[in-house]
Amino acid sequence: MFADTTHKYYREQYFDIASGEEGSSSLPSTPTSRSHNDTDRPLIVQFCANSPEQLLTAAKLVEAHCDAVDINLGCPQDIARRGHYGSFLQDEWELIHDMINILHKNLSVPVTAKFRVFPDIDKTV
């Protein structure tokens, strides 16, 4: 939604990216010069995705405003099935690798991923 310009009105209406989540009147210009509000940190932005390139585009928009980016690979809801994301990607190891890897290589903040536990512990780990 953030990477796609067709949703620009919705994004501008409901998300104040320019001011930051806390409504601060100014944000530092680089991720390394962020000031941290200890009561709201760490701030981790979670995405669901099935396209490494779109995920990176969206993550780059929040990179300077957060402490880490997380990929939700655990969502079991029907909307995740219809959108082909979340836990419905759990057997697509190459796609999961590509999504994590593109973020790892191109973001200045840490990248994490939430997974569902498999019935087989060896597969989970």
PDB file of N, CA and C in Angstrom:
ATOM      1  N   MET A   1       0.819  -1.185   0.000  1.00  0.00           N
ATOM      2  CA  MET A   1       0.000   0.000   0.000  1.00  0.00           C
ATOM      3  C   MET A   1       0.869   1.258   0.000  1.00  0.00           C
ATOM      4  N   PHE A   2       2.009   1.244   0.731  1.00  0.00           N
ATOM      5  CA  PHE A   2       2.847   2.431   0.769  1.00  0.00           C
ATOM      6  C   PHE A   2       3.654   2.596  -0.507  1.00  0.00           C
ATOM      7  N   ALA A   3       3.999   1.500  -1.142  1.00  0.00           N
ATOM      8  CA  ALA A   3       4.812   1.579  -2.349  1.00  0.00           C
ATOM      9  C   ALA A   3       3.986   1.946  -3.569  1.00  0.00           C
ATOM     10  N   ASP A   4       2.712   1.658  -3.543  1.00  0.00           N
ATOM     11  CA  ASP A   4       1.828   1.863  -4.683  1.00  0.00           C
ATOM     12  C   ASP A   4       1.255   3.280  -4.637  1.00  0.00           C
ATOM     13  N   THR A   5       1.498   4.081  -5.675  1.00  0.00           N
ATOM     14  CA  THR A   5       1.038   5.468  -5.684  1.00  0.00           C
ATOM     15  C   THR A   5      -0.476   5.594  -5.811  1.00  0.00           C
ATOM     16  N   THR A   6      -1.171   4.529  -6.180  1.00  0.00           N
ATOM     17  CA  THR A   6      -2.629   4.617  -6.302  1.00  0.00           C
ATOM     18  C   THR A   6      -3.296   4.797  -4.937  1.00  0.00           C
ATOM     19  N   HIS A   7      -2.580   4.500  -3.855  1.00  0.00           N
ATOM     20  CA  HIS A   7      -3.137   4.644  -2.513  1.00  0.00           C
ATOM     21  C   HIS A   7      -2.613   5.890  -1.801  1.00  0.00           C
ATOM     22  N   LYS A   8      -2.098   6.841  -2.556  1.00  0.00           N
ATOM     23  CA  LYS A   8      -1.486   8.024  -1.963  1.00  0.00           C
ATOM     24  C   LYS A   8      -2.482   8.794  -1.090  1.00  0.00           C
ATOM     25  N   TYR A   9      -3.701   8.973  -1.541  1.00  0.00           N
ATOM     26  CA  TYR A   9      -4.691   9.719  -0.754  1.00  0.00           C
ATOM     27  C   TYR A   9      -4.932   9.032   0.588  1.00  0.00           C
ATOM     28  N   TYR A  10      -5.121   7.726   0.591  1.00  0.00           N
ATOM     29  CA  TYR A  10      -5.343   6.978   1.825  1.00  0.00           C
ATOM     30  C   TYR A  10      -4.145   7.129   2.762  1.00  0.00           C
ATOM     31  N   ARG A  11      -2.964   6.996   2.205  1.00  0.00           N
ATOM     32  CA  ARG A  11      -1.738   7.116   2.991  1.00  0.00           C
ATOM     33  C   ARG A  11      -1.653   8.503   3.624  1.00  0.00           C
ATOM     34  N   GLU A  12      -1.905   9.545   2.848  1.00  0.00           N
ATOM     35  CA  GLU A  12      -1.834  10.909   3.372  1.00  0.00           C
ATOM     36  C   GLU A  12      -2.935  11.184   4.384  1.00  0.00           C
ATOM     37  N   GLN A  13      -4.101  10.566   4.193  1.00  0.00           N
ATOM     38  CA  GLN A  13      -5.239  10.775   5.076  1.00  0.00           C
ATOM     39  C   GLN A  13      -5.035  10.122   6.447  1.00  0.00           C
ATOM     40  N   TYR A  14      -4.448   8.933   6.488  1.00  0.00           N
ATOM     41  CA  TYR A  14      -4.410   8.151   7.721  1.00  0.00           C
ATOM     42  C   TYR A  14      -3.030   7.963   8.338  1.00  0.00           C
ATOM     43  N   PHE A  15      -1.964   8.332   7.645  1.00  0.00           N
ATOM     44  CA  PHE A  15      -0.614   8.150   8.166  1.00  0.00           C
ATOM     45  C   PHE A  15       0.145   9.457   8.063  1.00  0.00           C
ATOM     46  N   ASP A  16       0.716   9.890   9.151  1.00  0.00           N
ATOM     47  CA  ASP A  16       1.471  11.129   9.177  1.00  0.00           C
ATOM     48  C   ASP A  16       2.964  10.803   9.130  1.00  0.00           C
ATOM     49  N   ILE A  17       3.429  10.363   7.971  1.00  0.00           N
ATOM     50  CA  ILE A  17       4.816   9.951   7.825  1.00  0.00           C
ATOM     51  C   ILE A  17       5.763  11.137   8.005  1.00  0.00           C
ATOM     52  N   ALA A  18       5.382  12.294   7.519  1.00  0.00           N
ATOM     53  CA  ALA A  18       6.264  13.455   7.610  1.00  0.00           C
ATOM     54  C   ALA A  18       6.536  13.863   9.053  1.00  0.00           C
ATOM     55  N   SER A  19       5.558  13.695   9.937  1.00  0.00           N
ATOM     56  CA  SER A  19       5.727  14.088  11.334  1.00  0.00           C
ATOM     57  C   SER A  19       6.156  12.946  12.228  1.00  0.00           C
ATOM     58  N   GLY A  20       6.097  11.741  11.741  1.00  0.00           N
ATOM     59  CA  GLY A  20       6.460  10.599  12.567  1.00  0.00           C
ATOM     60  C   GLY A  20       5.273  10.082  13.354  1.00  0.00           C
ATOM     61  N   GLU A  21       5.362   8.877  13.835  1.00  0.00           N
ATOM     62  CA  GLU A  21       4.250   8.247  14.534  1.00  0.00           C
ATOM     63  C   GLU A  21       3.828   9.019  15.769  1.00  0.00           C
ATOM     64  N   GLU A  22       4.796   9.614  16.488  1.00  0.00           N
ATOM     65  CA  GLU A  22       4.478  10.314  17.718  1.00  0.00           C
ATOM     66  C   GLU A  22       3.965  11.731  17.474  1.00  0.00           C
ATOM     67  N   GLY A  23       3.937  12.168  16.199  1.00  0.00           N
ATOM     68  CA  GLY A  23       3.462  13.508  15.889  1.00  0.00           C
ATOM     69  C   GLY A  23       4.511  14.586  16.111  1.00  0.00           C
ATOM     70  N   SER A  24       5.770  14.216  16.171  1.00  0.00           N
ATOM     71  CA  SER A  24       6.845  15.168  16.365  1.00  0.00           C
ATOM     72  C   SER A  24       6.855  16.184  15.223  1.00  0.00           C
ATOM     73  N   SER A  25       7.191  17.418  15.531  1.00  0.00           N
ATOM     74  CA  SER A  25       7.195  18.446  14.490  1.00  0.00           C
ATOM     75  C   SER A  25       8.423  18.363  13.588  1.00  0.00           C
ATOM     76  N   SER A  26       9.446  17.632  14.010  1.00  0.00           N
ATOM     77  CA  SER A  26      10.606  17.489  13.142  1.00  0.00           C
ATOM     78  C   SER A  26      11.248  16.126  13.361  1.00  0.00           C
ATOM     79  N   LEU A  27      11.750  15.570  12.298  1.00  0.00           N
ATOM     80  CA  LEU A  27      12.436  14.283  12.354  1.00  0.00           C
ATOM     81  C   LEU A  27      13.848  14.452  11.843  1.00  0.00           C
ATOM     82  N   PRO A  28      14.805  13.789  12.458  1.00  0.00           N
ATOM     83  CA  PRO A  28      16.166  13.822  11.900  1.00  0.00           C
ATOM     84  C   PRO A  28      16.172  13.261  10.484  1.00  0.00           C
ATOM     85  N   SER A  29      17.152  13.659   9.705  1.00  0.00           N
ATOM     86  CA  SER A  29      17.143  13.295   8.293  1.00  0.00           C
ATOM     87  C   SER A  29      17.766  11.949   7.986  1.00  0.00           C
ATOM     88  N   THR A  30      18.509  11.361   8.926  1.00  0.00           N
ATOM     89  CA  THR A  30      19.144  10.082   8.641  1.00  0.00           C
ATOM     90  C   THR A  30      18.845   9.087   9.754  1.00  0.00           C
ATOM     91  N   PRO A  31      18.866   7.793   9.419  1.00  0.00           N
ATOM     92  CA  PRO A  31      18.595   6.779  10.440  1.00  0.00           C
ATOM     93  C   PRO A  31      19.587   6.820  11.597  1.00  0.00           C
ATOM     94  N   THR A  32      20.826   7.186  11.338  1.00  0.00           N
ATOM     95  CA  THR A  32      21.830   7.179  12.405  1.00  0.00           C
ATOM     96  C   THR A  32      21.696   8.375  13.332  1.00  0.00           C
ATOM     97  N   SER A  33      20.980   9.423  12.906  1.00  0.00           N
ATOM     98  CA  SER A  33      20.834  10.597  13.767  1.00  0.00           C
ATOM     99  C   SER A  33      19.456  10.677  14.413  1.00  0.00           C
ATOM    100  N   ARG A  34      18.707   9.572  14.396  1.00  0.00           N
ATOM    101  CA  ARG A  34      17.381   9.563  15.019  1.00  0.00           C
ATOM    102  C   ARG A  34      17.477   9.896  16.498  1.00  0.00           C
ATOM    103  N   SER A  35      16.533  10.682  16.988  1.00  0.00           N
ATOM    104  CA  SER A  35      16.410  10.830  18.431  1.00  0.00           C
ATOM    105  C   SER A  35      15.361   9.826  18.876  1.00  0.00           C
ATOM    106  N   HIS A  36      15.549   9.232  20.019  1.00  0.00           N
ATOM    107  CA  HIS A  36      14.658   8.177  20.477  1.00  0.00           C
ATOM    108  C   HIS A  36      13.860   8.633  21.684  1.00  0.00           C
ATOM    109  N   ASN A  37      12.574   8.431  21.621  1.00  0.00           N
ATOM    110  CA  ASN A  37      11.713   8.645  22.770  1.00  0.00           C
ATOM    111  C   ASN A  37      11.699   7.319  23.517  1.00  0.00           C
ATOM    112  N   ASP A  38      12.339   7.275  24.680  1.00  0.00           N
ATOM    113  CA  ASP A  38      12.511   6.019  25.415  1.00  0.00           C
ATOM    114  C   ASP A  38      11.190   5.335  25.752  1.00  0.00           C
ATOM    115  N   THR A  39      10.111   6.071  25.828  1.00  0.00           N
ATOM    116  CA  THR A  39       8.837   5.438  26.170  1.00  0.00           C
ATOM    117  C   THR A  39       8.212   4.721  24.986  1.00  0.00           C
ATOM    118  N   ASP A  40       8.619   5.040  23.780  1.00  0.00           N
ATOM    119  CA  ASP A  40       8.051   4.417  22.586  1.00  0.00           C
ATOM    120  C   ASP A  40       9.075   3.623  21.784  1.00  0.00           C
ATOM    121  N   ARG A  41      10.170   3.286  22.376  1.00  0.00           N
ATOM    122  CA  ARG A  41      11.219   2.581  21.656  1.00  0.00           C
ATOM    123  C   ARG A  41      11.540   1.275  22.334  1.00  0.00           C
ATOM    124  N   PRO A  42      11.933   0.279  21.590  1.00  0.00           N
ATOM    125  CA  PRO A  42      12.180   0.314  20.152  1.00  0.00           C
ATOM    126  C   PRO A  42      10.875   0.284  19.353  1.00  0.00           C
ATOM    127  N   LEU A  43      10.895   0.936  18.218  1.00  0.00           N
ATOM    128  CA  LEU A  43       9.766   0.943  17.302  1.00  0.00           C
ATOM    129  C   LEU A  43      10.104   0.029  16.129  1.00  0.00           C
ATOM    130  N   ILE A  44       9.350  -1.063  16.013  1.00  0.00           N
ATOM    131  CA  ILE A  44       9.565  -2.033  14.936  1.00  0.00           C
ATOM    132  C   ILE A  44       8.347  -2.003  14.021  1.00  0.00           C
ATOM    133  N   VAL A  45       8.586  -1.793  12.749  1.00  0.00           N
ATOM    134  CA  VAL A  45       7.504  -1.737  11.764  1.00  0.00           C
ATOM    135  C   VAL A  45       7.375  -3.117  11.129  1.00  0.00           C
ATOM    136  N   GLN A  46       6.155  -3.661  11.165  1.00  0.00           N
ATOM    137  CA  GLN A  46       5.924  -5.003  10.637  1.00  0.00           C
ATOM    138  C   GLN A  46       5.181  -4.920   9.305  1.00  0.00           C
ATOM    139  N   PHE A  47       5.668  -5.700   8.347  1.00  0.00           N
ATOM    140  CA  PHE A  47       5.062  -5.773   7.025  1.00  0.00           C
ATOM    141  C   PHE A  47       4.604  -7.190   6.731  1.00  0.00           C
ATOM    142  N   CYS A  48       3.583  -7.296   5.909  1.00  0.00           N
ATOM    143  CA  CYS A  48       3.258  -8.565   5.265  1.00  0.00           C
ATOM    144  C   CYS A  48       3.519  -8.330   3.785  1.00  0.00           C
ATOM    145  N   ALA A  49       4.025  -9.335   3.109  1.00  0.00           N
ATOM    146  CA  ALA A  49       4.406  -9.134   1.712  1.00  0.00           C
ATOM    147  C   ALA A  49       4.573 -10.463   1.012  1.00  0.00           C
ATOM    148  N   ASN A  50       4.609 -10.395  -0.315  1.00  0.00           N
ATOM    149  CA  ASN A  50       4.954 -11.562  -1.127  1.00  0.00           C
ATOM    150  C   ASN A  50       5.794 -11.156  -2.333  1.00  0.00           C
ATOM    151  N   SER A  51       6.265  -9.917  -2.330  1.00  0.00           N
ATOM    152  CA  SER A  51       7.127  -9.404  -3.394  1.00  0.00           C
ATOM    153  C   SER A  51       8.330  -8.724  -2.755  1.00  0.00           C
ATOM    154  N   PRO A  52       9.524  -9.275  -2.941  1.00  0.00           N
ATOM    155  CA  PRO A  52      10.710  -8.664  -2.343  1.00  0.00           C
ATOM    156  C   PRO A  52      10.904  -7.199  -2.740  1.00  0.00           C
ATOM    157  N   GLU A  53      10.671  -6.870  -3.994  1.00  0.00           N
ATOM    158  CA  GLU A  53      10.893  -5.506  -4.463  1.00  0.00           C
ATOM    159  C   GLU A  53       9.894  -4.532  -3.849  1.00  0.00           C
ATOM    160  N   GLN A  54       8.618  -4.908  -3.808  1.00  0.00           N
ATOM    161  CA  GLN A  54       7.618  -4.030  -3.187  1.00  0.00           C
ATOM    162  C   GLN A  54       7.870  -3.889  -1.696  1.00  0.00           C
ATOM    163  N   LEU A  55       8.277  -4.969  -1.052  1.00  0.00           N
ATOM    164  CA  LEU A  55       8.587  -4.927   0.368  1.00  0.00           C
ATOM    165  C   LEU A  55       9.727  -3.949   0.629  1.00  0.00           C
ATOM    166  N   LEU A  56      10.768  -4.013  -0.174  1.00  0.00           N
ATOM    167  CA  LEU A  56      11.894  -3.098   0.000  1.00  0.00           C
ATOM    168  C   LEU A  56      11.456  -1.646  -0.207  1.00  0.00           C
ATOM    169  N   THR A  57      10.670  -1.399  -1.225  1.00  0.00           N
ATOM    170  CA  THR A  57      10.203  -0.036  -1.486  1.00  0.00           C
ATOM    171  C   THR A  57       9.434   0.513  -0.286  1.00  0.00           C
ATOM    172  N   ALA A  58       8.561  -0.293   0.279  1.00  0.00           N
ATOM    173  CA  ALA A  58       7.778   0.134   1.444  1.00  0.00           C
ATOM    174  C   ALA A  58       8.675   0.307   2.666  1.00  0.00           C
ATOM    175  N   ALA A  59       9.599  -0.611   2.875  1.00  0.00           N
ATOM    176  CA  ALA A  59      10.479  -0.546   4.041  1.00  0.00           C
ATOM    177  C   ALA A  59      11.394   0.674   3.984  1.00  0.00           C
ATOM    178  N   LYS A  60      11.821   1.056   2.801  1.00  0.00           N
ATOM    179  CA  LYS A  60      12.666   2.240   2.664  1.00  0.00           C
ATOM    180  C   LYS A  60      11.919   3.498   3.114  1.00  0.00           C
ATOM    181  N   LEU A  61      10.595   3.520   2.970  1.00  0.00           N
ATOM    182  CA  LEU A  61       9.811   4.677   3.396  1.00  0.00           C
ATOM    183  C   LEU A  61       9.799   4.865   4.911  1.00  0.00           C
ATOM    184  N   VAL A  62       9.943   3.783   5.663  1.00  0.00           N
ATOM    185  CA  VAL A  62       9.898   3.881   7.129  1.00  0.00           C
ATOM    186  C   VAL A  62      11.268   3.731   7.782  1.00  0.00           C
ATOM    187  N   GLU A  63      12.262   3.367   7.020  1.00  0.00           N
ATOM    188  CA  GLU A  63      13.595   3.069   7.548  1.00  0.00           C
ATOM    189  C   GLU A  63      14.120   4.155   8.476  1.00  0.00           C
ATOM    190  N   ALA A  64      13.988   5.395   8.110  1.00  0.00           N
ATOM    191  CA  ALA A  64      14.530   6.501   8.906  1.00  0.00           C
ATOM    192  C   ALA A  64      13.709   6.791  10.153  1.00  0.00           C
ATOM    193  N   HIS A  65      12.560   6.135  10.289  1.00  0.00           N
ATOM    194  CA  HIS A  65      11.654   6.443  11.390  1.00  0.00           C
ATOM    195  C   HIS A  65      11.468   5.289  12.369  1.00  0.00           C
ATOM    196  N   CYS A  66      12.212   4.204  12.187  1.00  0.00           N
ATOM    197  CA  CYS A  66      12.016   3.041  13.050  1.00  0.00           C
ATOM    198  C   CYS A  66      13.355   2.446  13.458  1.00  0.00           C
ATOM    199  N   ASP A  67      13.286   1.481  14.375  1.00  0.00           N
ATOM    200  CA  ASP A  67      14.496   0.836  14.876  1.00  0.00           C
ATOM    201  C   ASP A  67      14.747  -0.521  14.233  1.00  0.00           C
ATOM    202  N   ALA A  68      13.738  -1.086  13.596  1.00  0.00           N
ATOM    203  CA  ALA A  68      13.870  -2.378  12.908  1.00  0.00           C
ATOM    204  C   ALA A  68      12.657  -2.576  12.012  1.00  0.00           C
ATOM    205  N   VAL A  69      12.793  -3.511  11.079  1.00  0.00           N
ATOM    206  CA  VAL A  69      11.694  -3.893  10.189  1.00  0.00           C
ATOM    207  C   VAL A  69      11.470  -5.389  10.366  1.00  0.00           C
ATOM    208  N   ASP A  70      10.208  -5.786  10.481  1.00  0.00           N
ATOM    209  CA  ASP A  70       9.843  -7.184  10.667  1.00  0.00           C
ATOM    210  C   ASP A  70       8.933  -7.627   9.531  1.00  0.00           C
ATOM    211  N   ILE A  71       9.117  -8.874   9.096  1.00  0.00           N
ATOM    212  CA  ILE A  71       8.225  -9.468   8.097  1.00  0.00           C
ATOM    213  C   ILE A  71       7.338 -10.465   8.829  1.00  0.00           C
ATOM    214  N   ASN A  72       6.037 -10.295   8.697  1.00  0.00           N
ATOM    215  CA  ASN A  72       5.089 -11.202   9.349  1.00  0.00           C
ATOM    216  C   ASN A  72       4.858 -12.410   8.444  1.00  0.00           C
ATOM    217  N   LEU A  73       5.466 -13.515   8.805  1.00  0.00           N
ATOM    218  CA  LEU A  73       5.289 -14.763   8.067  1.00  0.00           C
ATOM    219  C   LEU A  73       4.482 -15.752   8.902  1.00  0.00           C
ATOM    220  N   GLY A  74       3.712 -15.223   9.853  1.00  0.00           N
ATOM    221  CA  GLY A  74       2.962 -16.081  10.751  1.00  0.00           C
ATOM    222  C   GLY A  74       1.464 -15.875  10.718  1.00  0.00           C
ATOM    223  N   CYS A  75       0.979 -14.897   9.983  1.00  0.00           N
ATOM    224  CA  CYS A  75      -0.451 -14.596   9.982  1.00  0.00           C
ATOM    225  C   CYS A  75      -1.255 -15.734   9.349  1.00  0.00           C
ATOM    226  N   PRO A  76      -2.170 -16.349  10.122  1.00  0.00           N
ATOM    227  CA  PRO A  76      -2.953 -17.466   9.588  1.00  0.00           C
ATOM    228  C   PRO A  76      -4.353 -17.065   9.117  1.00  0.00           C
ATOM    229  N   GLN A  77      -4.662 -15.774   9.096  1.00  0.00           N
ATOM    230  CA  GLN A  77      -6.019 -15.329   8.791  1.00  0.00           C
ATOM    231  C   GLN A  77      -6.364 -15.533   7.314  1.00  0.00           C
ATOM    232  N   ASP A  78      -7.667 -15.597   7.045  1.00  0.00           N
ATOM    233  CA  ASP A  78      -8.130 -15.792   5.665  1.00  0.00           C
ATOM    234  C   ASP A  78      -7.655 -14.688   4.722  1.00  0.00           C
ATOM    235  N   ILE A  79      -7.560 -13.472   5.230  1.00  0.00           N
ATOM    236  CA  ILE A  79      -7.093 -12.376   4.372  1.00  0.00           C
ATOM    237  C   ILE A  79      -5.655 -12.626   3.914  1.00  0.00           C
ATOM    238  N   ALA A  80      -4.859 -13.282   4.765  1.00  0.00           N
ATOM    239  CA  ALA A  80      -3.486 -13.627   4.377  1.00  0.00           C
ATOM    240  C   ALA A  80      -3.492 -14.717   3.314  1.00  0.00           C
ATOM    241  N   ARG A  81      -4.429 -15.636   3.407  1.00  0.00           N
ATOM    242  CA  ARG A  81      -4.549 -16.678   2.374  1.00  0.00           C
ATOM    243  C   ARG A  81      -4.922 -16.034   1.041  1.00  0.00           C
ATOM    244  N   ARG A  82      -5.924 -15.150   1.064  1.00  0.00           N
ATOM    245  CA  ARG A  82      -6.361 -14.488  -0.177  1.00  0.00           C
ATOM    246  C   ARG A  82      -5.256 -13.609  -0.766  1.00  0.00           C
ATOM    247  N   GLY A  83      -4.506 -12.930   0.096  1.00  0.00           N
ATOM    248  CA  GLY A  83      -3.437 -12.048  -0.376  1.00  0.00           C
ATOM    249  C   GLY A  83      -2.125 -12.756  -0.617  1.00  0.00           C
ATOM    250  N   HIS A  84      -2.056 -14.009  -0.275  1.00  0.00           N
ATOM    251  CA  HIS A  84      -0.862 -14.846  -0.431  1.00  0.00           C
ATOM    252  C   HIS A  84       0.321 -14.245   0.329  1.00  0.00           C
ATOM    253  N   TYR A  85       0.153 -14.130   1.649  1.00  0.00           N
ATOM    254  CA  TYR A  85       1.235 -13.673   2.513  1.00  0.00           C
ATOM    255  C   TYR A  85       1.084 -14.336   3.876  1.00  0.00           C
ATOM    256  N   GLY A  86       1.886 -13.931   4.828  1.00  0.00           N
ATOM    257  CA  GLY A  86       1.818 -14.498   6.171  1.00  0.00           C
ATOM    258  C   GLY A  86       2.215 -15.964   6.193  1.00  0.00           C
ATOM    259  N   SER A  87       1.499 -16.754   6.990  1.00  0.00           N
ATOM    260  CA  SER A  87       1.859 -18.168   7.145  1.00  0.00           C
ATOM    261  C   SER A  87       1.644 -18.966   5.864  1.00  0.00           C
ATOM    262  N   PHE A  88       0.967 -18.391   4.901  1.00  0.00           N
ATOM    263  CA  PHE A  88       0.709 -19.099   3.647  1.00  0.00           C
ATOM    264  C   PHE A  88       1.924 -19.091   2.719  1.00  0.00           C
ATOM    265  N   LEU A  89       2.999 -18.473   3.173  1.00  0.00           N
ATOM    266  CA  LEU A  89       4.266 -18.519   2.440  1.00  0.00           C
ATOM    267  C   LEU A  89       5.258 -19.464   3.101  1.00  0.00           C
ATOM    268  N   GLN A  90       4.863 -20.115   4.184  1.00  0.00           N
ATOM    269  CA  GLN A  90       5.831 -20.853   5.001  1.00  0.00           C
ATOM    270  C   GLN A  90       6.566 -21.977   4.278  1.00  0.00           C
ATOM    271  N   ASP A  91       6.043 -22.470   3.191  1.00  0.00           N
ATOM    272  CA  ASP A  91       6.752 -23.506   2.438  1.00  0.00           C
ATOM    273  C   ASP A  91       7.473 -22.956   1.210  1.00  0.00           C
ATOM    274  N   GLU A  92       7.439 -21.644   1.026  1.00  0.00           N
ATOM    275  CA  GLU A  92       8.108 -21.009  -0.109  1.00  0.00           C
ATOM    276  C   GLU A  92       9.449 -20.433   0.357  1.00  0.00           C
ATOM    277  N   TRP A  93      10.385 -21.341   0.649  1.00  0.00           N
ATOM    278  CA  TRP A  93      11.648 -20.966   1.259  1.00  0.00           C
ATOM    279  C   TRP A  93      12.452 -19.987   0.407  1.00  0.00           C
ATOM    280  N   GLU A  94      12.440 -20.141  -0.905  1.00  0.00           N
ATOM    281  CA  GLU A  94      13.207 -19.235  -1.765  1.00  0.00           C
ATOM    282  C   GLU A  94      12.646 -17.814  -1.703  1.00  0.00           C
ATOM    283  N   LEU A  95      11.320 -17.685  -1.726  1.00  0.00           N
ATOM    284  CA  LEU A  95      10.691 -16.362  -1.625  1.00  0.00           C
ATOM    285  C   LEU A  95      10.975 -15.734  -0.261  1.00  0.00           C
ATOM    286  N   ILE A  96      10.866 -16.514   0.790  1.00  0.00           N
ATOM    287  CA  ILE A  96      11.156 -16.000   2.137  1.00  0.00           C
ATOM    288  C   ILE A  96      12.614 -15.518   2.199  1.00  0.00           C
ATOM    289  N   HIS A  97      13.512 -16.332   1.684  1.00  0.00           N
ATOM    290  CA  HIS A  97      14.927 -15.946   1.644  1.00  0.00           C
ATOM    291  C   HIS A  97      15.107 -14.633   0.885  1.00  0.00           C
ATOM    292  N   ASP A  98      14.480 -14.522  -0.272  1.00  0.00           N
ATOM    293  CA  ASP A  98      14.636 -13.321  -1.101  1.00  0.00           C
ATOM    294  C   ASP A  98      14.105 -12.080  -0.391  1.00  0.00           C
ATOM    295  N   MET A  99      12.976 -12.210   0.321  1.00  0.00           N
ATOM    296  CA  MET A  99      12.413 -11.052   1.028  1.00  0.00           C
ATOM    297  C   MET A  99      13.312 -10.621   2.177  1.00  0.00           C
ATOM    298  N   ILE A 100      13.779 -11.567   2.972  1.00  0.00           N
ATOM    299  CA  ILE A 100      14.654 -11.223   4.092  1.00  0.00           C
ATOM    300  C   ILE A 100      15.981 -10.679   3.578  1.00  0.00           C
ATOM    301  N   ASN A 101      16.524 -11.316   2.574  1.00  0.00           N
ATOM    302  CA  ASN A 101      17.829 -10.936   2.051  1.00  0.00           C
ATOM    303  C   ASN A 101      17.833  -9.541   1.427  1.00  0.00           C
ATOM    304  N   ILE A 102      16.804  -9.191   0.673  1.00  0.00           N
ATOM    305  CA  ILE A 102      16.779  -7.862   0.038  1.00  0.00           C
ATOM    306  C   ILE A 102      16.714  -6.763   1.091  1.00  0.00           C
ATOM    307  N   LEU A 103      15.978  -7.019   2.180  1.00  0.00           N
ATOM    308  CA  LEU A 103      15.930  -6.032   3.255  1.00  0.00           C
ATOM    309  C   LEU A 103      17.274  -5.958   3.974  1.00  0.00           C
ATOM    310  N   HIS A 104      17.827  -7.107   4.278  1.00  0.00           N
ATOM    311  CA  HIS A 104      19.113  -7.163   4.986  1.00  0.00           C
ATOM    312  C   HIS A 104      20.200  -6.409   4.222  1.00  0.00           C
ATOM    313  N   LYS A 105      20.229  -6.568   2.922  1.00  0.00           N
ATOM    314  CA  LYS A 105      21.271  -5.938   2.105  1.00  0.00           C
ATOM    315  C   LYS A 105      21.047  -4.447   1.875  1.00  0.00           C
ATOM    316  N   ASN A 106      19.796  -3.977   1.982  1.00  0.00           N
ATOM    317  CA  ASN A 106      19.487  -2.613   1.566  1.00  0.00           C
ATOM    318  C   ASN A 106      18.986  -1.682   2.656  1.00  0.00           C
ATOM    319  N   LEU A 107      18.807  -2.180   3.879  1.00  0.00           N
ATOM    320  CA  LEU A 107      18.343  -1.323   4.972  1.00  0.00           C
ATOM    321  C   LEU A 107      19.453  -1.102   5.989  1.00  0.00           C
ATOM    322  N   SER A 108      19.383   0.023   6.661  1.00  0.00           N
ATOM    323  CA  SER A 108      20.365   0.327   7.701  1.00  0.00           C
ATOM    324  C   SER A 108      19.873  -0.098   9.081  1.00  0.00           C
ATOM    325  N   VAL A 109      18.663  -0.633   9.166  1.00  0.00           N
ATOM    326  CA  VAL A 109      18.103  -1.104  10.441  1.00  0.00           C
ATOM    327  C   VAL A 109      18.027  -2.626  10.419  1.00  0.00           C
ATOM    328  N   PRO A 110      17.981  -3.260  11.592  1.00  0.00           N
ATOM    329  CA  PRO A 110      17.867  -4.720  11.634  1.00  0.00           C
ATOM    330  C   PRO A 110      16.568  -5.222  11.009  1.00  0.00           C
ATOM    331  N   VAL A 111      16.623  -6.461  10.534  1.00  0.00           N
ATOM    332  CA  VAL A 111      15.467  -7.108   9.916  1.00  0.00           C
ATOM    333  C   VAL A 111      15.164  -8.374  10.710  1.00  0.00           C
ATOM    334  N   THR A 112      13.889  -8.553  11.061  1.00  0.00           N
ATOM    335  CA  THR A 112      13.457  -9.762  11.754  1.00  0.00           C
ATOM    336  C   THR A 112      12.287 -10.365  10.984  1.00  0.00           C
ATOM    337  N   ALA A 113      11.945 -11.597  11.332  1.00  0.00           N
ATOM    338  CA  ALA A 113      10.803 -12.259  10.696  1.00  0.00           C
ATOM    339  C   ALA A 113      10.080 -13.107  11.734  1.00  0.00           C
ATOM    340  N   LYS A 114       8.761 -13.016  11.730  1.00  0.00           N
ATOM    341  CA  LYS A 114       7.939 -13.827  12.632  1.00  0.00           C
ATOM    342  C   LYS A 114       7.443 -15.035  11.856  1.00  0.00           C
ATOM    343  N   PHE A 115       7.699 -16.222  12.392  1.00  0.00           N
ATOM    344  CA  PHE A 115       7.294 -17.476  11.765  1.00  0.00           C
ATOM    345  C   PHE A 115       6.340 -18.231  12.671  1.00  0.00           C
ATOM    346  N   ARG A 116       5.557 -19.105  12.090  1.00  0.00           N
ATOM    347  CA  ARG A 116       4.756 -20.077  12.836  1.00  0.00           C
ATOM    348  C   ARG A 116       5.641 -21.263  13.163  1.00  0.00           C
ATOM    349  N   VAL A 117       5.339 -21.916  14.258  1.00  0.00           N
ATOM    350  CA  VAL A 117       6.065 -23.129  14.630  1.00  0.00           C
ATOM    351  C   VAL A 117       5.502 -24.282  13.809  1.00  0.00           C
ATOM    352  N   PHE A 118       6.390 -25.041  13.172  1.00  0.00           N
ATOM    353  CA  PHE A 118       5.994 -26.218  12.407  1.00  0.00           C
ATOM    354  C   PHE A 118       5.803 -27.396  13.359  1.00  0.00           C
ATOM    355  N   PRO A 119       5.031 -28.397  12.962  1.00  0.00           N
ATOM    356  CA  PRO A 119       4.898 -29.611  13.788  1.00  0.00           C
ATOM    357  C   PRO A 119       6.258 -30.297  14.009  1.00  0.00           C
ATOM    358  N   ASP A 120       7.159 -30.178  13.031  1.00  0.00           N
ATOM    359  CA  ASP A 120       8.491 -30.763  13.126  1.00  0.00           C
ATOM    360  C   ASP A 120       9.465 -29.689  13.594  1.00  0.00           C
ATOM    361  N   ILE A 121      10.053 -29.856  14.785  1.00  0.00           N
ATOM    362  CA  ILE A 121      10.939 -28.860  15.352  1.00  0.00           C
ATOM    363  C   ILE A 121      12.146 -28.605  14.454  1.00  0.00           C
ATOM    364  N   ASP A 122      12.658 -29.629  13.781  1.00  0.00           N
ATOM    365  CA  ASP A 122      13.809 -29.433  12.886  1.00  0.00           C
ATOM    366  C   ASP A 122      13.471 -28.494  11.733  1.00  0.00           C
ATOM    367  N   LYS A 123      12.246 -28.581  11.223  1.00  0.00           N
ATOM    368  CA  LYS A 123      11.832 -27.685  10.144  1.00  0.00           C
ATOM    369  C   LYS A 123      11.674 -26.251  10.669  1.00  0.00           C
ATOM    370  N   THR A 124      11.195 -26.108  11.899  1.00  0.00           N
ATOM    371  CA  THR A 124      11.018 -24.782  12.500  1.00  0.00           C
ATOM    372  C   THR A 124      12.351 -24.091  12.672  1.00  0.00           C
ATOM    373  N   VAL A 125      13.324 -24.803  13.200  1.00  0.00           N
ATOM    374  CA  VAL A 125      14.622 -24.213  13.488  1.00  0.00           C
ATOM    375  C   VAL A 125      15.443 -24.174  12.225  1.00  0.00           C
TER     376      VAL A 125
END
